[in-house]
All heavy atoms as atom14 arrays in JSON, in Angstrom:
{
  "sequence": "NNDGRLELLSTNDAMANYYFEMNARGVYEEHALDMN",
  "atom14_mask": [
    [1, 1, 1, 1, 1, 1, 1, 1, 0, 0, 0, 0, 0, 0],
    [1, 1, 1, 1, 1, 1, 1, 1, 0, 0, 0, 0, 0, 0],
    [1, 1, 1, 1, 1, 1, 1, 1, 0, 0, 0, 0, 0, 0],
    [1, 1, 1, 1, 0, 0, 0, 0, 0, 0, 0, 0, 0, 0],
    [1, 1, 1, 1, 1, 1, 1, 1, 1, 1, 1, 0, 0, 0],
    [1, 1, 1, 1, 1, 1, 1, 1, 0, 0, 0, 0, 0, 0],
    [1, 1, 1, 1, 1, 1, 1, 1, 1, 0, 0, 0, 0, 0],
    [1, 1, 1, 1, 1, 1, 1, 1, 0, 0, 0, 0, 0, 0],
    [1, 1, 1, 1, 1, 1, 1, 1, 0, 0, 0, 0, 0, 0],
    [1, 1, 1, 1, 1, 1, 0, 0, 0, 0, 0, 0, 0, 0],
    [1, 1, 1, 1, 1, 1, 1, 0, 0, 0, 0, 0, 0, 0],
    [1, 1, 1, 1, 1, 1, 1, 1, 0, 0, 0, 0, 0, 0],
    [1, 1, 1, 1, 1, 1, 1, 1, 0, 0, 0, 0, 0, 0],
    [1, 1, 1, 1, 1, 0, 0, 0, 0, 0, 0, 0, 0, 0],
    [1, 1, 1, 1, 1, 1, 1, 1, 0, 0, 0, 0, 0, 0],
    [1, 1, 1, 1, 1, 0, 0, 0, 0, 0, 0, 0, 0, 0],
    [1, 1, 1, 1, 1, 1, 1, 1, 0, 0, 0, 0, 0, 0],
    [1, 1, 1, 1, 1, 1, 1, 1, 1, 1, 1, 1, 0, 0],
    [1, 1, 1, 1, 1, 1, 1, 1, 1, 1, 1, 1, 0, 0],
    [1, 1, 1, 1, 1, 1, 1, 1, 1, 1, 1, 0, 0, 0],
    [1, 1, 1, 1, 1, 1, 1, 1, 1, 0, 0, 0, 0, 0],
    [1, 1, 1, 1, 1, 1, 1, 1, 0, 0, 0, 0, 0, 0],
    [1, 1, 1, 1, 1, 1, 1, 1, 0, 0, 0, 0, 0, 0],
    [1, 1, 1, 1, 1, 0, 0, 0, 0, 0, 0, 0, 0, 0],
    [1, 1, 1, 1, 1, 1, 1, 1, 1, 1, 1, 0, 0, 0],
    [1, 1, 1, 1, 0, 0, 0, 0, 0, 0, 0, 0, 0, 0],
    [1, 1, 1, 1, 1, 1, 1, 0, 0, 0, 0, 0, 0, 0],
    [1, 1, 1, 1, 1, 1, 1, 1, 1, 1, 1, 1, 0, 0],
    [1, 1, 1, 1, 1, 1, 1, 1, 1, 0, 0, 0, 0, 0],
    [1, 1, 1, 1, 1, 1, 1, 1, 1, 0, 0, 0, 0, 0],
    [1, 1, 1, 1, 1, 1, 1, 1, 1, 1, 0, 0, 0, 0],
    [1, 1, 1, 1, 1, 0, 0, 0, 0, 0, 0, 0, 0, 0],
    [1, 1, 1, 1, 1, 1, 1, 1, 0, 0, 0, 0, 0, 0],
    [1, 1, 1, 1, 1, 1, 1, 1, 0, 0, 0, 0, 0, 0],
    [1, 1, 1, 1, 1, 1, 1, 1, 0, 0, 0, 0, 0, 0],
    [1, 1, 1, 1, 1, 1, 1, 1, 0, 0, 0, 0, 0, 0]
  ],
  "atom14_positions": [
    [[-6.45, -1.79, -7.02], [-6.21, -0.95, -8.23], [-6.69, -1.58, -9.52], [-6.61, -0.99, -10.55], [-4.72, -0.61, -8.39], [-4.25, 0.34, -7.34], [-5.04, 1.16, -6.86], [-2.9, 0.42, -7.13], [0.0, 0.0, 0.0], [0.0, 0.0, 0.0], [0.0, 0.0, 0.0], [0.0, 0.0, 0.0], [0.0, 0.0, 0.0], [0.0, 0.0, 0.0]],
    [[-7.32, -2.8, -9.43], [-7.74, -3.47, -10.63], [-6.67, -3.67, -11.69], [-6.91, -3.65, -12.81], [-8.9, -2.8, -11.2], [-10.23, -3.05, -10.42], [-10.27, -3.81, -9.43], [-11.31, -2.33, -10.81], [0.0, 0.0, 0.0], [0.0, 0.0, 0.0], [0.0, 0.0, 0.0], [0.0, 0.0, 0.0], [0.0, 0.0, 0.0], [0.0, 0.0, 0.0]],
    [[-5.38, -3.9, -11.19], [-4.28, -4.12, -12.11], [-3.83, -5.52, -12.12], [-2.79, -5.88, -12.74], [-3.13, -3.13, -11.68], [-2.59, -3.45, -10.36], [-3.14, -4.35, -9.6], [-1.64, -2.8, -9.86], [0.0, 0.0, 0.0], [0.0, 0.0, 0.0], [0.0, 0.0, 0.0], [0.0, 0.0, 0.0], [0.0, 0.0, 0.0], [0.0, 0.0, 0.0]],
    [[-4.53, -6.42, -11.46], [-4.09, -7.8, -11.51], [-3.2, -8.25, -10.42], [-2.77, -9.46, -10.33], [0.0, 0.0, 0.0], [0.0, 0.0, 0.0], [0.0, 0.0, 0.0], [0.0, 0.0, 0.0], [0.0, 0.0, 0.0], [0.0, 0.0, 0.0], [0.0, 0.0, 0.0], [0.0, 0.0, 0.0], [0.0, 0.0, 0.0], [0.0, 0.0, 0.0]],
    [[-2.71, -7.32, -9.59], [-1.75, -7.58, -8.53], [-2.42, -7.23, -7.21], [-3.3, -6.34, -7.11], [-0.47, -6.74, -8.74], [0.26, -7.13, -9.95], [1.61, -6.49, -10.03], [1.52, -5.05, -10.17], [2.55, -4.24, -10.41], [3.74, -4.77, -10.43], [2.33, -2.98, -10.47], [0.0, 0.0, 0.0], [0.0, 0.0, 0.0], [0.0, 0.0, 0.0]],
    [[-1.93, -7.88, -6.14], [-2.56, -7.62, -4.81], [-1.75, -6.63, -4.08], [-0.5, -6.66, -3.97], [-2.54, -8.93, -4.01], [-3.35, -10.03, -4.6], [-3.32, -11.25, -3.61], [-4.82, -9.69, -4.8], [0.0, 0.0, 0.0], [0.0, 0.0, 0.0], [0.0, 0.0, 0.0], [0.0, 0.0, 0.0], [0.0, 0.0, 0.0], [0.0, 0.0, 0.0]],
    [[-2.44, -5.6, -3.53], [-1.86, -4.64, -2.69], [-2.01, -5.07, -1.2], [-2.84, -5.92, -0.92], [-2.5, -3.28, -2.75], [-2.14, -2.56, -4.13], [-2.93, -3.19, -5.34], [-4.07, -3.35, -5.29], [-2.21, -3.45, -6.34], [0.0, 0.0, 0.0], [0.0, 0.0, 0.0], [0.0, 0.0, 0.0], [0.0, 0.0, 0.0], [0.0, 0.0, 0.0]],
    [[-1.27, -4.53, -0.22], [-1.21, -4.92, 1.1], [-1.71, -3.7, 1.91], [-1.32, -2.61, 1.79], [0.19, -5.23, 1.66], [0.73, -6.55, 1.14], [2.16, -6.66, 1.62], [-0.07, -7.78, 1.74], [0.0, 0.0, 0.0], [0.0, 0.0, 0.0], [0.0, 0.0, 0.0], [0.0, 0.0, 0.0], [0.0, 0.0, 0.0], [0.0, 0.0, 0.0]],
    [[-2.67, -3.96, 2.83], [-3.17, -2.97, 3.77], [-2.99, -3.46, 5.18], [-3.34, -4.55, 5.53], [-4.64, -2.74, 3.5], [-5.4, -1.77, 4.49], [-4.8, -0.37, 4.42], [-6.85, -1.78, 4.3], [0.0, 0.0, 0.0], [0.0, 0.0, 0.0], [0.0, 0.0, 0.0], [0.0, 0.0, 0.0], [0.0, 0.0, 0.0], [0.0, 0.0, 0.0]],
    [[-2.29, -2.6, 5.98], [-2.12, -2.9, 7.41], [-2.77, -1.78, 8.14], [-2.4, -0.6, 8.12], [-0.55, -2.89, 7.71], [-0.41, -2.92, 9.12], [0.0, 0.0, 0.0], [0.0, 0.0, 0.0], [0.0, 0.0, 0.0], [0.0, 0.0, 0.0], [0.0, 0.0, 0.0], [0.0, 0.0, 0.0], [0.0, 0.0, 0.0], [0.0, 0.0, 0.0]],
    [[-3.78, -2.13, 8.98], [-4.48, -1.18, 9.9], [-3.76, -1.16, 11.18], [-3.58, -2.2, 11.84], [-5.92, -1.55, 9.99], [-6.07, -2.87, 10.43], [-6.64, -1.23, 8.68], [0.0, 0.0, 0.0], [0.0, 0.0, 0.0], [0.0, 0.0, 0.0], [0.0, 0.0, 0.0], [0.0, 0.0, 0.0], [0.0, 0.0, 0.0], [0.0, 0.0, 0.0]],
    [[-3.41, 0.07, 11.65], [-2.54, 0.27, 12.81], [-3.31, 0.91, 14.02], [-4.25, 1.65, 13.76], [-1.29, 0.99, 12.43], [-0.5, 0.29, 11.34], [-0.53, -0.95, 11.26], [0.12, 1.04, 10.44], [0.0, 0.0, 0.0], [0.0, 0.0, 0.0], [0.0, 0.0, 0.0], [0.0, 0.0, 0.0], [0.0, 0.0, 0.0], [0.0, 0.0, 0.0]],
    [[-2.72, 0.73, 15.13], [-3.31, 1.29, 16.33], [-2.54, 2.57, 16.75], [-1.39, 2.54, 16.98], [-3.21, 0.23, 17.48], [-4.08, 0.58, 18.71], [-4.87, 1.63, 18.61], [-4.04, -0.19, 19.68], [0.0, 0.0, 0.0], [0.0, 0.0, 0.0], [0.0, 0.0, 0.0], [0.0, 0.0, 0.0], [0.0, 0.0, 0.0], [0.0, 0.0, 0.0]],
    [[-3.28, 3.7, 16.96], [-2.74, 4.99, 17.42], [-1.65, 5.54, 16.47], [-0.74, 6.14, 17.02], [-2.29, 4.83, 18.84], [0.0, 0.0, 0.0], [0.0, 0.0, 0.0], [0.0, 0.0, 0.0], [0.0, 0.0, 0.0], [0.0, 0.0, 0.0], [0.0, 0.0, 0.0], [0.0, 0.0, 0.0], [0.0, 0.0, 0.0], [0.0, 0.0, 0.0]],
    [[-1.75, 5.21, 15.24], [-0.73, 5.77, 14.3], [-1.27, 5.54, 12.9], [-2.29, 4.94, 12.7], [0.57, 4.99, 14.46], [0.47, 3.54, 14.17], [2.1, 2.73, 14.24], [2.87, 3.34, 12.78], [0.0, 0.0, 0.0], [0.0, 0.0, 0.0], [0.0, 0.0, 0.0], [0.0, 0.0, 0.0], [0.0, 0.0, 0.0], [0.0, 0.0, 0.0]],
    [[-0.52, 6.09, 11.84], [-0.98, 5.96, 10.53], [-1.08, 4.52, 10.03], [-0.15, 3.64, 10.43], [-0.11, 6.8, 9.6], [0.0, 0.0, 0.0], [0.0, 0.0, 0.0], [0.0, 0.0, 0.0], [0.0, 0.0, 0.0], [0.0, 0.0, 0.0], [0.0, 0.0, 0.0], [0.0, 0.0, 0.0], [0.0, 0.0, 0.0], [0.0, 0.0, 0.0]],
    [[-1.97, 4.13, 9.22], [-2.08, 2.83, 8.56], [-1.02, 2.76, 7.54], [-0.4, 3.78, 6.99], [-3.41, 2.55, 7.95], [-4.57, 2.58, 8.95], [-4.38, 2.12, 10.07], [-5.7, 3.15, 8.61], [0.0, 0.0, 0.0], [0.0, 0.0, 0.0], [0.0, 0.0, 0.0], [0.0, 0.0, 0.0], [0.0, 0.0, 0.0], [0.0, 0.0, 0.0]],
    [[-0.68, 1.58, 7.02], [0.18, 1.29, 5.88], [-0.61, 0.74, 4.72], [-1.39, -0.13, 4.9], [1.32, 0.28, 6.24], [2.13, 0.71, 7.39], [2.62, -0.29, 8.25], [2.57, 2.01, 7.55], [3.46, 0.02, 9.33], [3.4, 2.27, 8.68], [3.89, 1.35, 9.55], [4.67, 1.64, 10.62], [0.0, 0.0, 0.0], [0.0, 0.0, 0.0]],
    [[-0.29, 1.22, 3.51], [-0.84, 0.68, 2.24], [0.31, 0.55, 1.27], [0.96, 1.51, 0.86], [-1.96, 1.59, 1.72], [-2.43, 1.25, 0.34], [-3.39, 0.19, 0.16], [-1.97, 1.97, -0.72], [-3.79, -0.04, -1.09], [-2.47, 1.67, -2.01], [-3.35, 0.62, -2.2], [-3.78, 0.36, -3.41], [0.0, 0.0, 0.0], [0.0, 0.0, 0.0]],
    [[0.59, -0.68, 0.86], [1.68, -0.95, -0.02], [1.22, -1.43, -1.42], [0.44, -2.3, -1.58], [2.59, -2.05, 0.56], [3.19, -1.67, 1.94], [2.65, -2.15, 3.08], [4.38, -0.98, 1.95], [3.24, -1.86, 4.32], [4.95, -0.66, 3.18], [4.39, -1.08, 4.36], [0.0, 0.0, 0.0], [0.0, 0.0, 0.0], [0.0, 0.0, 0.0]],
    [[1.89, -0.77, -2.45], [1.65, -1.14, -3.82], [3.0, -1.57, -4.38], [4.01, -1.03, -4.08], [1.1, 0.03, -4.65], [-0.31, 0.54, -4.29], [-0.73, 1.69, -5.11], [0.13, 2.24, -5.88], [-1.96, 2.0, -5.12], [0.0, 0.0, 0.0], [0.0, 0.0, 0.0], [0.0, 0.0, 0.0], [0.0, 0.0, 0.0], [0.0, 0.0, 0.0]],
    [[2.97, -2.59, -5.24], [4.13, -3.06, -5.88], [4.52, -2.18, -7.14], [3.53, -1.98, -7.93], [4.06, -4.53, -6.28], [5.37, -5.18, -6.68], [5.15, -6.98, -6.95], [4.98, -7.55, -5.3], [0.0, 0.0, 0.0], [0.0, 0.0, 0.0], [0.0, 0.0, 0.0], [0.0, 0.0, 0.0], [0.0, 0.0, 0.0], [0.0, 0.0, 0.0]],
    [[5.75, -1.73, -7.18], [6.2, -0.93, -8.31], [6.68, -1.75, -9.44], [6.62, -2.97, -9.46], [7.22, 0.09, -7.84], [8.48, -0.53, -7.34], [8.85, -1.68, -7.78], [9.19, 0.16, -6.54], [0.0, 0.0, 0.0], [0.0, 0.0, 0.0], [0.0, 0.0, 0.0], [0.0, 0.0, 0.0], [0.0, 0.0, 0.0], [0.0, 0.0, 0.0]],
    [[7.1, -1.05, -10.48], [7.6, -1.75, -11.73], [8.75, -2.7, -11.53], [9.01, -3.6, -12.3], [7.87, -0.73, -12.81], [0.0, 0.0, 0.0], [0.0, 0.0, 0.0], [0.0, 0.0, 0.0], [0.0, 0.0, 0.0], [0.0, 0.0, 0.0], [0.0, 0.0, 0.0], [0.0, 0.0, 0.0], [0.0, 0.0, 0.0], [0.0, 0.0, 0.0]],
    [[9.52, -2.42, -10.41], [10.69, -3.21, -10.08], [10.34, -4.43, -9.25], [11.23, -5.23, -8.84], [11.67, -2.34, -9.39], [12.3, -1.21, -10.25], [13.32, -0.4, -9.47], [12.78, 0.34, -8.37], [12.95, 0.06, -7.06], [13.65, -0.97, -6.71], [12.37, 0.8, -6.17], [0.0, 0.0, 0.0], [0.0, 0.0, 0.0], [0.0, 0.0, 0.0]],
    [[9.05, -4.58, -8.97], [8.67, -5.74, -8.12], [8.94, -5.5, -6.61], [9.0, -6.49, -5.89], [0.0, 0.0, 0.0], [0.0, 0.0, 0.0], [0.0, 0.0, 0.0], [0.0, 0.0, 0.0], [0.0, 0.0, 0.0], [0.0, 0.0, 0.0], [0.0, 0.0, 0.0], [0.0, 0.0, 0.0], [0.0, 0.0, 0.0], [0.0, 0.0, 0.0]],
    [[9.01, -4.24, -6.17], [9.2, -3.94, -4.79], [8.09, -3.04, -4.31], [7.48, -2.23, -5.06], [10.6, -3.14, -4.58], [10.67, -2.74, -3.13], [11.72, -4.06, -5.02], [0.0, 0.0, 0.0], [0.0, 0.0, 0.0], [0.0, 0.0, 0.0], [0.0, 0.0, 0.0], [0.0, 0.0, 0.0], [0.0, 0.0, 0.0], [0.0, 0.0, 0.0]],
    [[7.71, -3.19, -3.03], [6.56, -2.5, -2.5], [6.94, -0.98, -2.18], [8.08, -0.77, -1.68], [6.04, -3.11, -1.26], [5.18, -4.4, -1.55], [5.73, -5.64, -1.34], [3.91, -4.33, -2.06], [4.98, -6.8, -1.63], [3.11, -5.5, -2.29], [3.73, -6.73, -2.07], [2.98, -7.77, -2.33], [0.0, 0.0, 0.0], [0.0, 0.0, 0.0]],
    [[5.98, -0.11, -2.42], [6.11, 1.26, -1.94], [4.83, 1.6, -1.06], [3.77, 1.16, -1.41], [6.2, 2.15, -3.11], [7.46, 2.04, -4.03], [7.47, 2.95, -5.2], [6.44, 3.54, -5.45], [8.47, 3.05, -5.8], [0.0, 0.0, 0.0], [0.0, 0.0, 0.0], [0.0, 0.0, 0.0], [0.0, 0.0, 0.0], [0.0, 0.0, 0.0]],
    [[5.07, 2.44, -0.06], [4.02, 2.68, 0.83], [3.3, 4.0, 0.39], [3.93, 5.03, 0.15], [4.6, 2.97, 2.24], [3.63, 2.71, 3.39], [2.59, 3.82, 3.6], [3.03, 4.94, 3.77], [1.38, 3.5, 3.51], [0.0, 0.0, 0.0], [0.0, 0.0, 0.0], [0.0, 0.0, 0.0], [0.0, 0.0, 0.0], [0.0, 0.0, 0.0]],
    [[1.94, 4.0, 0.27], [1.21, 5.01, -0.27], [-0.13, 5.3, 0.48], [-1.06, 5.82, -0.1], [0.8, 4.77, -1.81], [2.06, 4.82, -2.71], [2.66, 5.97, -2.99], [2.57, 3.81, -3.44], [3.67, 5.74, -3.86], [3.59, 4.35, -4.06], [0.0, 0.0, 0.0], [0.0, 0.0, 0.0], [0.0, 0.0, 0.0], [0.0, 0.0, 0.0]],
    [[-0.06, 5.1, 1.73], [-1.36, 5.21, 2.53], [-1.81, 6.67, 2.51], [-3.04, 6.96, 2.39], [-1.14, 4.72, 3.94], [0.0, 0.0, 0.0], [0.0, 0.0, 0.0], [0.0, 0.0, 0.0], [0.0, 0.0, 0.0], [0.0, 0.0, 0.0], [0.0, 0.0, 0.0], [0.0, 0.0, 0.0], [0.0, 0.0, 0.0], [0.0, 0.0, 0.0]],
    [[-0.93, 7.56, 2.71], [-1.3, 9.04, 2.7], [-1.85, 9.44, 1.37], [-2.88, 10.11, 1.3], [-0.13, 9.85, 3.15], [-0.4, 11.37, 3.47], [-1.35, 11.45, 4.62], [0.9, 12.16, 3.81], [0.0, 0.0, 0.0], [0.0, 0.0, 0.0], [0.0, 0.0, 0.0], [0.0, 0.0, 0.0], [0.0, 0.0, 0.0], [0.0, 0.0, 0.0]],
    [[-1.15, 9.06, 0.29], [-1.62, 9.4, -1.05], [-3.0, 8.86, -1.32], [-3.78, 9.49, -2.07], [-0.71, 8.87, -2.09], [0.73, 9.33, -1.95], [0.96, 10.39, -1.3], [1.68, 8.62, -2.42], [0.0, 0.0, 0.0], [0.0, 0.0, 0.0], [0.0, 0.0, 0.0], [0.0, 0.0, 0.0], [0.0, 0.0, 0.0], [0.0, 0.0, 0.0]],
    [[-3.35, 7.7, -0.83], [-4.57, 7.05, -1.15], [-5.7, 7.41, -0.12], [-6.76, 6.79, -0.19], [-4.34, 5.53, -1.23], [-3.42, 5.04, -2.28], [-3.97, 5.41, -3.96], [-5.32, 4.14, -4.04], [0.0, 0.0, 0.0], [0.0, 0.0, 0.0], [0.0, 0.0, 0.0], [0.0, 0.0, 0.0], [0.0, 0.0, 0.0], [0.0, 0.0, 0.0]],
    [[-5.38, 8.27, 0.79], [-6.36, 8.64, 1.83], [-6.68, 7.46, 2.75], [-7.87, 7.42, 3.2], [-7.58, 9.32, 1.25], [-8.4, 10.01, 2.24], [-7.93, 10.59, 3.21], [-9.75, 9.97, 2.06], [0.0, 0.0, 0.0], [0.0, 0.0, 0.0], [0.0, 0.0, 0.0], [0.0, 0.0, 0.0], [0.0, 0.0, 0.0], [0.0, 0.0, 0.0]]
  ]
}
């Protein structure tokens, strides 16, 4: 996101992938579907 923080990407087998962004509270949220 070019926001200075690292996001996490987990590529998965026979299921949806995971993509995590850290929110303002410092906790990760999963947004793989939103981010295509």
